[in-house]
């Protein structure tokens, strides 16, 4: 009887140790879980998603900041700044001086137009000059800037140079409407990073 009691006590003790070690094995994931959740809600910067270097990230951010500053200097609203950010992201990913679509040999400004400024194509001065043109064109339209996609497209189409979609978007299936719509979340994130949430 004594032997059975000892064996039973040993089994009970073994189970208790096993259960406590199982529960301690389960504890770390439970404490790690909130950290994983909070990491997934962290806002990721929209700048540099396709950049291959820190310099690329800096260029995108500097150009986006120049777009917003130029709109603000012209007395533009936050909605207009968002629309300008959206257009420049959709057209060039906030990069000035990119090559045009073949067969064109020209380069384009941050809003996707043939570059015609007497300044360095990849400078923030070029971005400001292009944004001034965007704001000039915005004065000629009556669409509400509260709809940033419709507003940005209207401004681009109001440009007297004539917006030729095939010169701006040339890959299979791309349209200005699809690209501008896709650019909206990135533009909103960029504005929030530069100026805080609207």
C-alpha atoms as a PDB file:
ATOM      1  CA  UNK A   1       0.000   0.000   0.000  1.00  0.00           C
ATOM      2  CA  UNK A   2       2.867   2.260   0.878  1.00  0.00           C
ATOM      3  CA  UNK A   3       4.488   1.646  -2.540  1.00  0.00           C
ATOM      4  CA  UNK A   4       1.233   2.556  -4.336  1.00  0.00           C
ATOM      5  CA  UNK A   5       0.975   5.761  -2.322  1.00  0.00           C
ATOM      6  CA  UNK A   6       4.531   6.700  -3.186  1.00  0.00           C
ATOM      7  CA  UNK A   7       3.955   5.964  -6.889  1.00  0.00           C
ATOM      8  CA  UNK A   8       0.706   7.932  -6.844  1.00  0.00           C
ATOM      9  CA  UNK A   9       2.473  10.835  -5.132  1.00  0.00           C
ATOM     10  CA  UNK A  10       5.279  10.720  -7.696  1.00  0.00           C
ATOM     11  CA  UNK A  11       2.814  10.658 -10.593  1.00  0.00           C
ATOM     12  CA  UNK A  12       0.870  13.562  -9.092  1.00  0.00           C
ATOM     13  CA  UNK A  13       4.094  15.504  -8.549  1.00  0.00           C
ATOM     14  CA  UNK A  14       5.219  14.714 -12.105  1.00  0.00           C
ATOM     15  CA  UNK A  15       1.911  15.887 -13.527  1.00  0.00           C
ATOM     16  CA  UNK A  16       2.084  19.073 -11.487  1.00  0.00           C
ATOM     17  CA  UNK A  17       5.596  19.799 -12.765  1.00  0.00           C
ATOM     18  CA  UNK A  18       4.552  18.959 -16.316  1.00  0.00           C
ATOM     19  CA  UNK A  19       1.488  21.176 -16.166  1.00  0.00           C
ATOM     20  CA  UNK A  20       3.398  24.071 -14.670  1.00  0.00           C
ATOM     21  CA  UNK A  21       6.098  23.801 -17.334  1.00  0.00           C
ATOM     22  CA  UNK A  22       3.421  23.575 -20.036  1.00  0.00           C
ATOM     23  CA  UNK A  23       1.754  26.662 -18.678  1.00  0.00           C
ATOM     24  CA  UNK A  24       5.086  28.458 -18.524  1.00  0.00           C
ATOM     25  CA  UNK A  25       5.732  27.382 -22.142  1.00  0.00           C
ATOM     26  CA  UNK A  26       2.392  28.916 -23.080  1.00  0.00           C
ATOM     27  CA  UNK A  27       3.060  32.169 -21.220  1.00  0.00           C
ATOM     28  CA  UNK A  28       5.636  33.780 -23.548  1.00  0.00           C
ATOM     29  CA  UNK A  29       3.392  33.698 -26.652  1.00  0.00           C
ATOM     30  CA  UNK A  30       0.610  35.288 -24.577  1.00  0.00           C
ATOM     31  CA  UNK A  31       2.940  38.121 -23.551  1.00  0.00           C
ATOM     32  CA  UNK A  32       4.358  38.443 -27.073  1.00  0.00           C
ATOM     33  CA  UNK A  33       0.945  38.587 -28.713  1.00  0.00           C
ATOM     34  CA  UNK A  34       0.127  42.203 -27.796  1.00  0.00           C
ATOM     35  CA  UNK A  35       3.553  43.321 -29.067  1.00  0.00           C
ATOM     36  CA  UNK A  36       2.865  41.667 -32.427  1.00  0.00           C
ATOM     37  CA  UNK A  37      -0.543  43.324 -32.591  1.00  0.00           C
ATOM     38  CA  UNK A  38       0.811  46.763 -31.784  1.00  0.00           C
ATOM     39  CA  UNK A  39       3.619  46.358 -34.330  1.00  0.00           C
ATOM     40  CA  UNK A  40       1.105  45.602 -37.065  1.00  0.00           C
ATOM     41  CA  UNK A  41      -0.771  48.838 -36.324  1.00  0.00           C
ATOM     42  CA  UNK A  42       2.393  50.952 -36.487  1.00  0.00           C
ATOM     43  CA  UNK A  43       2.225  53.433 -39.356  1.00  0.00           C
ATOM     44  CA  UNK A  44       4.760  52.695 -42.064  1.00  0.00           C
ATOM     45  CA  UNK A  45       6.230  55.666 -43.895  1.00  0.00           C
ATOM     46  CA  UNK A  46       5.026  55.943 -47.497  1.00  0.00           C
ATOM     47  CA  UNK A  47       8.423  57.191 -48.597  1.00  0.00           C
ATOM     48  CA  UNK A  48      10.977  54.818 -50.053  1.00  0.00           C
ATOM     49  CA  UNK A  49       8.773  51.774 -50.637  1.00  0.00           C
ATOM     50  CA  UNK A  50      10.562  51.210 -53.955  1.00  0.00           C
ATOM     51  CA  UNK A  51      13.745  53.130 -53.204  1.00  0.00           C
ATOM     52  CA  UNK A  52      17.017  51.208 -53.313  1.00  0.00           C
ATOM     53  CA  UNK A  53      18.875  53.519 -50.943  1.00  0.00           C
ATOM     54  CA  UNK A  54      18.426  55.953 -48.078  1.00  0.00           C
ATOM     55  CA  UNK A  55      19.077  58.714 -50.604  1.00  0.00           C
ATOM     56  CA  UNK A  56      16.021  57.589 -52.585  1.00  0.00           C
ATOM     57  CA  UNK A  57      13.882  57.805 -49.455  1.00  0.00           C
ATOM     58  CA  UNK A  58      15.230  61.294 -48.707  1.00  0.00           C
ATOM     59  CA  UNK A  59      14.540  62.485 -52.263  1.00  0.00           C
ATOM     60  CA  UNK A  60      10.932  61.273 -52.155  1.00  0.00           C
ATOM     61  CA  UNK A  61      10.318  62.856 -48.752  1.00  0.00           C
ATOM     62  CA  UNK A  62      12.019  66.149 -49.687  1.00  0.00           C
ATOM     63  CA  UNK A  63      10.034  66.355 -52.918  1.00  0.00           C
ATOM     64  CA  UNK A  64       6.743  65.599 -51.178  1.00  0.00           C
ATOM     65  CA  UNK A  65       7.549  68.243 -48.564  1.00  0.00           C
ATOM     66  CA  UNK A  66       8.334  70.722 -51.359  1.00  0.00           C
ATOM     67  CA  UNK A  67       4.944  69.990 -52.971  1.00  0.00           C
ATOM     68  CA  UNK A  68       3.076  70.670 -49.715  1.00  0.00           C
ATOM     69  CA  UNK A  69       5.106  73.820 -48.964  1.00  0.00           C
ATOM     70  CA  UNK A  70       4.510  75.196 -52.475  1.00  0.00           C
ATOM     71  CA  UNK A  71       0.744  74.654 -52.151  1.00  0.00           C
ATOM     72  CA  UNK A  72       0.728  76.328 -48.731  1.00  0.00           C
ATOM     73  CA  UNK A  73       2.768  79.306 -50.006  1.00  0.00           C
ATOM     74  CA  UNK A  74       0.110  79.797 -52.680  1.00  0.00           C
ATOM     75  CA  UNK A  75      -2.605  79.876 -49.990  1.00  0.00           C
ATOM     76  CA  UNK A  76      -3.797  76.380 -50.823  1.00  0.00           C
ATOM     77  CA  UNK A  77      -5.865  74.266 -48.457  1.00  0.00           C
ATOM     78  CA  UNK A  78      -4.861  70.939 -46.899  1.00  0.00           C
ATOM     79  CA  UNK A  79      -7.221  69.249 -49.408  1.00  0.00           C
ATOM     80  CA  UNK A  80      -5.353  70.889 -52.283  1.00  0.00           C
ATOM     81  CA  UNK A  81      -2.019  69.856 -50.783  1.00  0.00           C
ATOM     82  CA  UNK A  82      -3.289  66.285 -50.533  1.00  0.00           C
ATOM     83  CA  UNK A  83      -4.446  66.380 -54.165  1.00  0.00           C
ATOM     84  CA  UNK A  84      -1.057  67.685 -55.303  1.00  0.00           C
ATOM     85  CA  UNK A  85       0.690  64.964 -53.289  1.00  0.00           C
ATOM     86  CA  UNK A  86      -1.625  62.397 -54.831  1.00  0.00           C
ATOM     87  CA  UNK A  87      -0.988  63.559 -58.400  1.00  0.00           C
ATOM     88  CA  UNK A  88       2.783  63.647 -57.948  1.00  0.00           C
ATOM     89  CA  UNK A  89       2.811  60.189 -56.313  1.00  0.00           C
ATOM     90  CA  UNK A  90       0.605  58.689 -59.044  1.00  0.00           C
ATOM     91  CA  UNK A  91       2.661  60.214 -61.845  1.00  0.00           C
ATOM     92  CA  UNK A  92       6.243  59.818 -60.654  1.00  0.00           C
ATOM     93  CA  UNK A  93       6.383  58.506 -57.096  1.00  0.00           C
ATOM     94  CA  UNK A  94       7.567  61.931 -55.891  1.00  0.00           C
ATOM     95  CA  UNK A  95      10.576  61.849 -58.179  1.00  0.00           C
ATOM     96  CA  UNK A  96      11.411  64.577 -60.674  1.00  0.00           C
ATOM     97  CA  UNK A  97      13.519  64.171 -63.807  1.00  0.00           C
ATOM     98  CA  UNK A  98      12.327  60.698 -64.789  1.00  0.00           C
ATOM     99  CA  UNK A  99      12.402  59.491 -68.396  1.00  0.00           C
ATOM    100  CA  UNK A 100       9.193  59.740 -70.389  1.00  0.00           C
ATOM    101  CA  UNK A 101       7.587  56.688 -71.925  1.00  0.00           C
ATOM    102  CA  UNK A 102       9.145  55.420 -75.145  1.00  0.00           C
ATOM    103  CA  UNK A 103       9.457  56.597 -77.860  1.00  0.00           C
ATOM    104  CA  UNK A 104       9.807  60.003 -76.162  1.00  0.00           C
ATOM    105  CA  UNK A 105      13.352  61.007 -75.305  1.00  0.00           C
ATOM    106  CA  UNK A 106      12.366  63.791 -72.906  1.00  0.00           C
ATOM    107  CA  UNK A 107      12.331  63.678 -69.133  1.00  0.00           C
ATOM    108  CA  UNK A 108       9.350  64.598 -67.005  1.00  0.00           C
ATOM    109  CA  UNK A 109       8.675  66.681 -63.928  1.00  0.00           C
ATOM    110  CA  UNK A 110       7.143  65.468 -60.671  1.00  0.00           C
ATOM    111  CA  UNK A 111       3.618  65.765 -62.144  1.00  0.00           C
ATOM    112  CA  UNK A 112       4.492  63.772 -65.240  1.00  0.00           C
ATOM    113  CA  UNK A 113       4.811  66.624 -67.752  1.00  0.00           C
ATOM    114  CA  UNK A 114       7.674  67.113 -70.233  1.00  0.00           C
ATOM    115  CA  UNK A 115      10.363  68.999 -68.389  1.00  0.00           C
ATOM    116  CA  UNK A 116      10.756  72.556 -69.676  1.00  0.00           C
ATOM    117  CA  UNK A 117      12.281  74.412 -66.720  1.00  0.00           C
ATOM    118  CA  UNK A 118      15.678  76.090 -66.811  1.00  0.00           C
ATOM    119  CA  UNK A 119      16.676  74.448 -63.514  1.00  0.00           C
ATOM    120  CA  UNK A 120      18.043  71.078 -62.462  1.00  0.00           C
ATOM    121  CA  UNK A 121      15.404  68.431 -63.206  1.00  0.00           C
ATOM    122  CA  UNK A 122      16.014  66.506 -59.997  1.00  0.00           C
ATOM    123  CA  UNK A 123      15.991  69.519 -57.677  1.00  0.00           C
ATOM    124  CA  UNK A 124      13.332  70.592 -55.196  1.00  0.00           C
ATOM    125  CA  UNK A 125      13.248  73.900 -57.120  1.00  0.00           C
ATOM    126  CA  UNK A 126      11.923  71.917 -60.083  1.00  0.00           C
ATOM    127  CA  UNK A 127       9.315  70.321 -57.834  1.00  0.00           C
ATOM    128  CA  UNK A 128       8.205  73.737 -56.547  1.00  0.00           C
ATOM    129  CA  UNK A 129       7.989  75.114 -60.098  1.00  0.00           C
ATOM    130  CA  UNK A 130       5.855  72.156 -61.206  1.00  0.00           C
ATOM    131  CA  UNK A 131       3.620  72.569 -58.139  1.00  0.00           C
ATOM    132  CA  UNK A 132       3.140  76.252 -58.981  1.00  0.00           C
ATOM    133  CA  UNK A 133       1.871  75.136 -62.398  1.00  0.00           C
ATOM    134  CA  UNK A 134      -0.454  72.643 -60.677  1.00  0.00           C
ATOM    135  CA  UNK A 135      -1.814  75.480 -58.535  1.00  0.00           C
ATOM    136  CA  UNK A 136      -2.205  77.754 -61.582  1.00  0.00           C
ATOM    137  CA  UNK A 137      -4.312  75.035 -63.208  1.00  0.00           C
ATOM    138  CA  UNK A 138      -6.318  74.484 -60.021  1.00  0.00           C
ATOM    139  CA  UNK A 139      -7.601  78.050 -60.248  1.00  0.00           C
ATOM    140  CA  UNK A 140      -9.402  77.162 -63.492  1.00  0.00           C
ATOM    141  CA  UNK A 141     -11.533  74.262 -62.206  1.00  0.00           C
ATOM    142  CA  UNK A 142     -14.703  74.167 -60.107  1.00  0.00           C
ATOM    143  CA  UNK A 143     -14.463  70.639 -58.662  1.00  0.00           C
ATOM    144  CA  UNK A 144     -14.366  70.423 -54.857  1.00  0.00           C
ATOM    145  CA  UNK A 145     -10.946  69.500 -53.498  1.00  0.00           C
ATOM    146  CA  UNK A 146     -12.608  67.343 -50.818  1.00  0.00           C
ATOM    147  CA  UNK A 147     -12.543  64.523 -53.414  1.00  0.00           C
ATOM    148  CA  UNK A 148      -8.766  64.434 -53.942  1.00  0.00           C
ATOM    149  CA  UNK A 149      -8.749  61.902 -56.798  1.00  0.00           C
ATOM    150  CA  UNK A 150     -11.354  63.749 -58.887  1.00  0.00           C
ATOM    151  CA  UNK A 151      -9.775  67.090 -58.024  1.00  0.00           C
ATOM    152  CA  UNK A 152      -6.208  66.060 -58.910  1.00  0.00           C
ATOM    153  CA  UNK A 153      -7.320  64.545 -62.209  1.00  0.00           C
ATOM    154  CA  UNK A 154      -9.352  67.653 -63.052  1.00  0.00           C
ATOM    155  CA  UNK A 155      -6.353  69.885 -62.359  1.00  0.00           C
ATOM    156  CA  UNK A 156      -4.109  67.745 -64.563  1.00  0.00           C
ATOM    157  CA  UNK A 157      -6.683  67.678 -67.373  1.00  0.00           C
ATOM    158  CA  UNK A 158      -7.107  71.466 -67.102  1.00  0.00           C
ATOM    159  CA  UNK A 159      -3.452  71.989 -67.989  1.00  0.00           C
ATOM    160  CA  UNK A 160      -3.260  73.860 -71.316  1.00  0.00           C
ATOM    161  CA  UNK A 161      -0.533  71.482 -72.508  1.00  0.00           C
ATOM    162  CA  UNK A 162      -3.239  68.844 -72.936  1.00  0.00           C
ATOM    163  CA  UNK A 163      -3.187  65.754 -70.755  1.00  0.00           C
ATOM    164  CA  UNK A 164      -2.387  62.740 -72.934  1.00  0.00           C
ATOM    165  CA  UNK A 165      -2.958  59.705 -70.730  1.00  0.00           C
ATOM    166  CA  UNK A 166      -0.751  57.469 -72.915  1.00  0.00           C
ATOM    167  CA  UNK A 167       2.166  59.797 -72.374  1.00  0.00           C
ATOM    168  CA  UNK A 168       1.697  59.612 -68.615  1.00  0.00           C
ATOM    169  CA  UNK A 169       0.660  55.959 -68.184  1.00  0.00           C
ATOM    170  CA  UNK A 170       1.765  53.427 -70.705  1.00  0.00           C
ATOM    171  CA  UNK A 171       1.896  49.999 -69.039  1.00  0.00           C
ATOM    172  CA  UNK A 172      -0.810  47.419 -69.771  1.00  0.00           C
ATOM    173  CA  UNK A 173      -4.028  48.213 -67.970  1.00  0.00           C
ATOM    174  CA  UNK A 174      -2.857  51.458 -66.363  1.00  0.00           C
ATOM    175  CA  UNK A 175      -5.146  54.464 -66.534  1.00  0.00           C
ATOM    176  CA  UNK A 176      -4.836  57.814 -64.869  1.00  0.00           C
ATOM    177  CA  UNK A 177      -7.969  57.075 -62.845  1.00  0.00           C
ATOM    178  CA  UNK A 178      -6.700  53.693 -61.606  1.00  0.00           C
ATOM    179  CA  UNK A 179      -3.260  55.077 -60.743  1.00  0.00           C
ATOM    180  CA  UNK A 180      -4.612  58.165 -58.994  1.00  0.00           C
ATOM    181  CA  UNK A 181      -7.056  56.058 -56.979  1.00  0.00           C
ATOM    182  CA  UNK A 182      -4.268  53.655 -55.995  1.00  0.00           C
ATOM    183  CA  UNK A 183      -2.060  56.590 -54.945  1.00  0.00           C
ATOM    184  CA  UNK A 184      -4.602  58.042 -52.495  1.00  0.00           C
ATOM    185  CA  UNK A 185      -3.621  55.993 -49.389  1.00  0.00           C
ATOM    186  CA  UNK A 186       0.056  56.769 -49.932  1.00  0.00           C
ATOM    187  CA  UNK A 187      -0.671  60.474 -50.361  1.00  0.00           C
ATOM    188  CA  UNK A 188      -2.778  60.499 -47.190  1.00  0.00           C
ATOM    189  CA  UNK A 189       0.024  58.769 -45.272  1.00  0.00           C
ATOM    190  CA  UNK A 190       2.556  61.241 -46.671  1.00  0.00           C
ATOM    191  CA  UNK A 191       0.459  64.246 -45.668  1.00  0.00           C
ATOM    192  CA  UNK A 192      -0.066  62.782 -42.186  1.00  0.00           C
ATOM    193  CA  UNK A 193       3.685  62.240 -41.816  1.00  0.00           C
ATOM    194  CA  UNK A 194       4.537  65.748 -43.038  1.00  0.00           C
ATOM    195  CA  UNK A 195       1.717  67.725 -41.419  1.00  0.00           C
ATOM    196  CA  UNK A 196      -0.182  65.442 -39.080  1.00  0.00           C
ATOM    197  CA  UNK A 197      -3.589  63.809 -39.698  1.00  0.00           C
ATOM    198  CA  UNK A 198      -6.247  65.909 -41.423  1.00  0.00           C
END
